[in-house]
PDB file of N, CA and C in Angstrom:
ATOM      1  N   MET A   1     138.452  96.745 107.752  1.00  0.00           N
ATOM      2  CA  MET A   1     137.462  96.685 106.960  1.00  0.00           C
ATOM      3  C   MET A   1     135.710  96.517 108.209  1.00  0.00           C
ATOM      4  N   THR A   2     135.133  97.632 108.079  1.00  0.00           N
ATOM      5  CA  THR A   2     133.977  97.795 109.153  1.00  0.00           C
ATOM      6  C   THR A   2     132.897  97.275 107.644  1.00  0.00           C
ATOM      7  N   THR A   3     131.640  96.686 108.713  1.00  0.00           N
ATOM      8  CA  THR A   3     130.651  96.191 107.249  1.00  0.00           C
ATOM      9  C   THR A   3     129.612  97.060 107.633  1.00  0.00           C
ATOM     10  N   PRO A   4     128.792  97.582 106.372  1.00  0.00           N
ATOM     11  CA  PRO A   4     128.006  98.521 106.800  1.00  0.00           C
ATOM     12  C   PRO A   4     126.761  98.566 107.648  1.00  0.00           C
ATOM     13  N   PRO A   5     126.176  99.330 108.011  1.00  0.00           N
ATOM     14  CA  PRO A   5     125.085  98.983 108.500  1.00  0.00           C
ATOM     15  C   PRO A   5     124.281  98.193 108.005  1.00  0.00           C
ATOM     16  N   LEU A   6     123.304  97.128 108.507  1.00  0.00           N
ATOM     17  CA  LEU A   6     122.104  96.607 107.873  1.00  0.00           C
ATOM     18  C   LEU A   6     120.744  97.040 107.886  1.00  0.00           C
ATOM     19  N   SER A   7     120.172  97.137 107.195  1.00  0.00           N
ATOM     20  CA  SER A   7     118.525  97.927 106.975  1.00  0.00           C
ATOM     21  C   SER A   7     117.945  97.153 108.072  1.00  0.00           C
ATOM     22  N   PRO A   8     116.804  98.458 109.126  1.00  0.00           N
ATOM     23  CA  PRO A   8     116.563  97.260 109.986  1.00  0.00           C
ATOM     24  C   PRO A   8     115.292  96.117 109.619  1.00  0.00           C
ATOM     25  N   CYS A   9     115.293  96.896 108.328  1.00  0.00           N
ATOM     26  CA  CYS A   9     113.704  96.097 107.798  1.00  0.00           C
ATOM     27  C   CYS A   9     113.413  94.553 107.946  1.00  0.00           C
ATOM     28  N   ILE A  10     112.122  94.384 108.843  1.00  0.00           N
ATOM     29  CA  ILE A  10     111.843  93.421 108.621  1.00  0.00           C
ATOM     30  C   ILE A  10     110.843  92.506 107.478  1.00  0.00           C
ATOM     31  N   ALA A  11     110.228  93.117 106.703  1.00  0.00           N
ATOM     32  CA  ALA A  11     109.427  92.451 105.766  1.00  0.00           C
ATOM     33  C   ALA A  11     108.222  93.077 106.380  1.00  0.00           C
ATOM     34  N   VAL A  12     107.334  93.730 107.293  1.00  0.00           N
ATOM     35  CA  VAL A  12     106.420  94.420 107.260  1.00  0.00           C
ATOM     36  C   VAL A  12     106.062  96.117 107.269  1.00  0.00           C
ATOM     37  N   CYS A  13     105.941  95.767 106.172  1.00  0.00           N
ATOM     38  CA  CYS A  13     105.974  96.861 105.302  1.00  0.00           C
ATOM     39  C   CYS A  13     104.925  97.927 105.045  1.00  0.00           C
ATOM     40  N   VAL A  14     104.484  98.267 106.101  1.00  0.00           N
ATOM     41  CA  VAL A  14     102.759  99.210 106.531  1.00  0.00           C
ATOM     42  C   VAL A  14     103.347 100.432 107.333  1.00  0.00           C
ATOM     43  N   ILE A  15     103.161 102.196 106.545  1.00  0.00           N
ATOM     44  CA  ILE A  15     103.472 103.480 106.636  1.00  0.00           C
ATOM     45  C   ILE A  15     102.220 104.209 107.332  1.00  0.00           C
ATOM     46  N   ASP A  16     102.091 103.748 108.934  1.00  0.00           N
ATOM     47  CA  ASP A  16     101.052 104.275 109.847  1.00  0.00           C
ATOM     48  C   ASP A  16     100.990 105.860 109.226  1.00  0.00           C
ATOM     49  N   PRO A  17      99.952 106.194 109.081  1.00  0.00           N
ATOM     50  CA  PRO A  17      99.399 107.545 108.129  1.00  0.00           C
ATOM     51  C   PRO A  17      99.821 108.850 109.204  1.00  0.00           C
ATOM     52  N   ALA A  18      99.354 108.384 110.705  1.00  0.00           N
ATOM     53  CA  ALA A  18      99.252 108.525 111.841  1.00  0.00           C
ATOM     54  C   ALA A  18     101.241 109.747 112.302  1.00  0.00           C
ATOM     55  N   THR A  19     101.425 109.114 111.999  1.00  0.00           N
ATOM     56  CA  THR A  19     103.209 108.970 112.274  1.00  0.00           C
ATOM     57  C   THR A  19     103.917 109.419 110.790  1.00  0.00           C
ATOM     58  N   GLY A  20     103.694 108.572 109.982  1.00  0.00           N
ATOM     59  CA  GLY A  20     104.719 108.891 108.635  1.00  0.00           C
ATOM     60  C   GLY A  20     105.875 107.607 108.503  1.00  0.00           C
ATOM     61  N   PHE A  21     105.330 106.790 109.935  1.00  0.00           N
ATOM     62  CA  PHE A  21     106.460 105.618 109.901  1.00  0.00           C
ATOM     63  C   PHE A  21     106.427 104.177 109.667  1.00  0.00           C
ATOM     64  N   CYS A  22     106.885 103.563 108.648  1.00  0.00           N
ATOM     65  CA  CYS A  22     106.906 101.960 108.748  1.00  0.00           C
ATOM     66  C   CYS A  22     106.785 101.387 110.088  1.00  0.00           C
ATOM     67  N   ARG A  23     105.530 100.794 110.251  1.00  0.00           N
ATOM     68  CA  ARG A  23     105.001 100.025 111.468  1.00  0.00           C
ATOM     69  C   ARG A  23     105.792  99.088 111.652  1.00  0.00           C
ATOM     70  N   GLY A  24     106.836  98.478 110.435  1.00  0.00           N
ATOM     71  CA  GLY A  24     107.925  97.185 110.887  1.00  0.00           C
ATOM     72  C   GLY A  24     108.887  97.716 111.354  1.00  0.00           C
ATOM     73  N   CYS A  25     109.958  98.580 110.482  1.00  0.00           N
ATOM     74  CA  CYS A  25     111.197  99.235 110.551  1.00  0.00           C
ATOM     75  C   CYS A  25     111.347 100.743 111.325  1.00  0.00           C
ATOM     76  N   ALA A  26     110.112 101.472 111.217  1.00  0.00           N
ATOM     77  CA  ALA A  26     110.012 102.382 112.127  1.00  0.00           C
ATOM     78  C   ALA A  26     110.919 103.621 110.704  1.00  0.00           C
ATOM     79  N   ARG A  27     111.104 103.604 109.970  1.00  0.00           N
ATOM     80  CA  ARG A  27     111.622 104.605 108.858  1.00  0.00           C
ATOM     81  C   ARG A  27     110.905 105.409 108.168  1.00  0.00           C
ATOM     82  N   THR A  28     111.087 106.306 107.346  1.00  0.00           N
ATOM     83  CA  THR A  28     110.067 107.292 106.647  1.00  0.00           C
ATOM     84  C   THR A  28     109.795 106.402 105.509  1.00  0.00           C
ATOM     85  N   LEU A  29     109.211 106.847 104.582  1.00  0.00           N
ATOM     86  CA  LEU A  29     109.408 106.440 102.998  1.00  0.00           C
ATOM     87  C   LEU A  29     110.362 106.867 102.203  1.00  0.00           C
ATOM     88  N   ALA A  30     111.036 107.759 102.957  1.00  0.00           N
ATOM     89  CA  ALA A  30     112.149 108.914 102.155  1.00  0.00           C
ATOM     90  C   ALA A  30     113.349 108.051 102.629  1.00  0.00           C
ATOM     91  N   GLU A  31     113.702 107.484 103.902  1.00  0.00           N
ATOM     92  CA  GLU A  31     114.286 107.097 104.323  1.00  0.00           C
ATOM     93  C   GLU A  31     114.658 105.800 104.041  1.00  0.00           C
ATOM     94  N   ILE A  32     113.557 104.708 103.742  1.00  0.00           N
ATOM     95  CA  ILE A  32     113.526 103.197 102.830  1.00  0.00           C
ATOM     96  C   ILE A  32     113.850 103.176 101.463  1.00  0.00           C
ATOM     97  N   ALA A  33     113.411 103.897 101.056  1.00  0.00           N
ATOM     98  CA  ALA A  33     113.718 104.769  99.435  1.00  0.00           C
ATOM     99  C   ALA A  33     115.208 104.958  99.528  1.00  0.00           C
ATOM    100  N   GLY A  34     116.057 105.911 100.305  1.00  0.00           N
ATOM    101  CA  GLY A  34     117.146 106.117 100.314  1.00  0.00           C
ATOM    102  C   GLY A  34     118.294 104.945 100.552  1.00  0.00           C
ATOM    103  N   TRP A  35     117.695 104.325 101.157  1.00  0.00           N
ATOM    104  CA  TRP A  35     118.769 103.518 102.310  1.00  0.00           C
ATOM    105  C   TRP A  35     120.024 102.734 101.103  1.00  0.00           C
ATOM    106  N   LEU A  36     120.052 102.383 100.433  1.00  0.00           N
ATOM    107  CA  LEU A  36     120.826 102.168  99.349  1.00  0.00           C
ATOM    108  C   LEU A  36     121.943 102.951  99.218  1.00  0.00           C
ATOM    109  N   ALA A  37     121.178 104.180  98.554  1.00  0.00           N
ATOM    110  CA  ALA A  37     121.909 105.254  98.529  1.00  0.00           C
ATOM    111  C   ALA A  37     123.152 105.768  99.310  1.00  0.00           C
ATOM    112  N   PHE A  38     122.309 106.079 100.774  1.00  0.00           N
ATOM    113  CA  PHE A  38     123.077 106.718 101.632  1.00  0.00           C
ATOM    114  C   PHE A  38     124.167 106.376 102.247  1.00  0.00           C
ATOM    115  N   SER A  39     124.640 106.905 102.970  1.00  0.00           N
ATOM    116  CA  SER A  39     126.604 107.014 103.496  1.00  0.00           C
ATOM    117  C   SER A  39     126.055 106.093 104.673  1.00  0.00           C
ATOM    118  N   ASP A  40     127.342 104.929 105.588  1.00  0.00           N
ATOM    119  CA  ASP A  40     127.405 104.500 106.550  1.00  0.00           C
ATOM    120  C   ASP A  40     126.879 105.604 107.630  1.00  0.00           C
ATOM    121  N   GLU A  41     127.657 107.239 107.818  1.00  0.00           N
ATOM    122  CA  GLU A  41     126.900 108.185 108.640  1.00  0.00           C
ATOM    123  C   GLU A  41     125.536 108.180 108.362  1.00  0.00           C
ATOM    124  N   GLU A  42     124.973 108.467 107.531  1.00  0.00           N
ATOM    125  CA  GLU A  42     123.346 108.512 107.053  1.00  0.00           C
ATOM    126  C   GLU A  42     122.610 107.643 107.934  1.00  0.00           C
ATOM    127  N   LYS A  43     123.260 106.520 107.300  1.00  0.00           N
ATOM    128  CA  LYS A  43     122.315 105.140 108.145  1.00  0.00           C
ATOM    129  C   LYS A  43     122.801 104.952 109.392  1.00  0.00           C
ATOM    130  N   GLN A  44     123.197 105.660 109.829  1.00  0.00           N
ATOM    131  CA  GLN A  44     123.735 105.178 111.658  1.00  0.00           C
ATOM    132  C   GLN A  44     122.778 106.270 112.118  1.00  0.00           C
ATOM    133  N   ARG A  45     122.476 107.666 111.568  1.00  0.00           N
ATOM    134  CA  ARG A  45     121.787 108.546 112.015  1.00  0.00           C
ATOM    135  C   ARG A  45     120.762 107.681 111.953  1.00  0.00           C
ATOM    136  N   VAL A  46     120.166 107.538 111.069  1.00  0.00           N
ATOM    137  CA  VAL A  46     118.119 106.963 111.036  1.00  0.00           C
ATOM    138  C   VAL A  46     118.687 105.490 112.113  1.00  0.00           C
ATOM    139  N   LEU A  47     119.386 104.864 112.162  1.00  0.00           N
ATOM    140  CA  LEU A  47     119.569 104.017 113.185  1.00  0.00           C
ATOM    141  C   LEU A  47     119.351 104.038 114.814  1.00  0.00           C
ATOM    142  N   ALA A  48     119.858 105.475 114.576  1.00  0.00           N
ATOM    143  CA  ALA A  48     119.976 105.892 116.411  1.00  0.00           C
ATOM    144  C   ALA A  48     118.589 106.376 116.706  1.00  0.00           C
ATOM    145  N   ALA A  49     118.071 106.834 115.743  1.00  0.00           N
ATOM    146  CA  ALA A  49     116.237 107.495 115.650  1.00  0.00           C
ATOM    147  C   ALA A  49     115.526 106.662 115.588  1.00  0.00           C
ATOM    148  N   LEU A  50     116.045 105.175 115.821  1.00  0.00           N
ATOM    149  CA  LEU A  50     114.697 104.157 115.799  1.00  0.00           C
ATOM    150  C   LEU A  50     113.818 103.879 116.581  1.00  0.00           C
ATOM    151  N   PRO A  51     114.553 103.565 117.392  1.00  0.00           N
ATOM    152  CA  PRO A  51     114.237 103.388 119.012  1.00  0.00           C
ATOM    153  C   PRO A  51     113.329 104.551 119.758  1.00  0.00           C
ATOM    154  N   ALA A  52     113.496 106.059 119.558  1.00  0.00           N
ATOM    155  CA  ALA A  52     112.196 106.939 119.769  1.00  0.00           C
ATOM    156  C   ALA A  52     111.184 106.600 119.123  1.00  0.00           C
ATOM    157  N   ARG A  53     111.170 106.051 117.573  1.00  0.00           N
ATOM    158  CA  ARG A  53     110.357 106.341 116.532  1.00  0.00           C
ATOM    159  C   ARG A  53     108.780 105.292 117.408  1.00  0.00           C
ATOM    160  N   ARG A  54     110.090 104.115 118.078  1.00  0.00           N
ATOM    161  CA  ARG A  54     108.780 102.922 118.188  1.00  0.00           C
ATOM    162  C   ARG A  54     108.189 103.239 119.361  1.00  0.00           C
ATOM    163  N   ARG A  55     108.719 103.935 120.173  1.00  0.00           N
ATOM    164  CA  ARG A  55     108.308 104.744 121.026  1.00  0.00           C
ATOM    165  C   ARG A  55     106.813 104.826 121.046  1.00  0.00           C
ATOM    166  N   VAL A  56     106.477 105.725 119.903  1.00  0.00           N
ATOM    167  CA  VAL A  56     105.463 106.816 119.587  1.00  0.00           C
ATOM    168  C   VAL A  56     104.300 105.725 119.402  1.00  0.00           C
TER     169      VAL A  56
END
């Protein structure tokens, strides 16, 4: 049994108006809102995109 991917939330919940990404976790509002309903594959896809978003 595998553990589902954990949320990248670090409780710094501020959306950057220029990028649309959270300044804490780099997710979009839609990704934050949908996280609990996402499949493990969807969560992995989001997690994979975060490093590039943080460099913006």
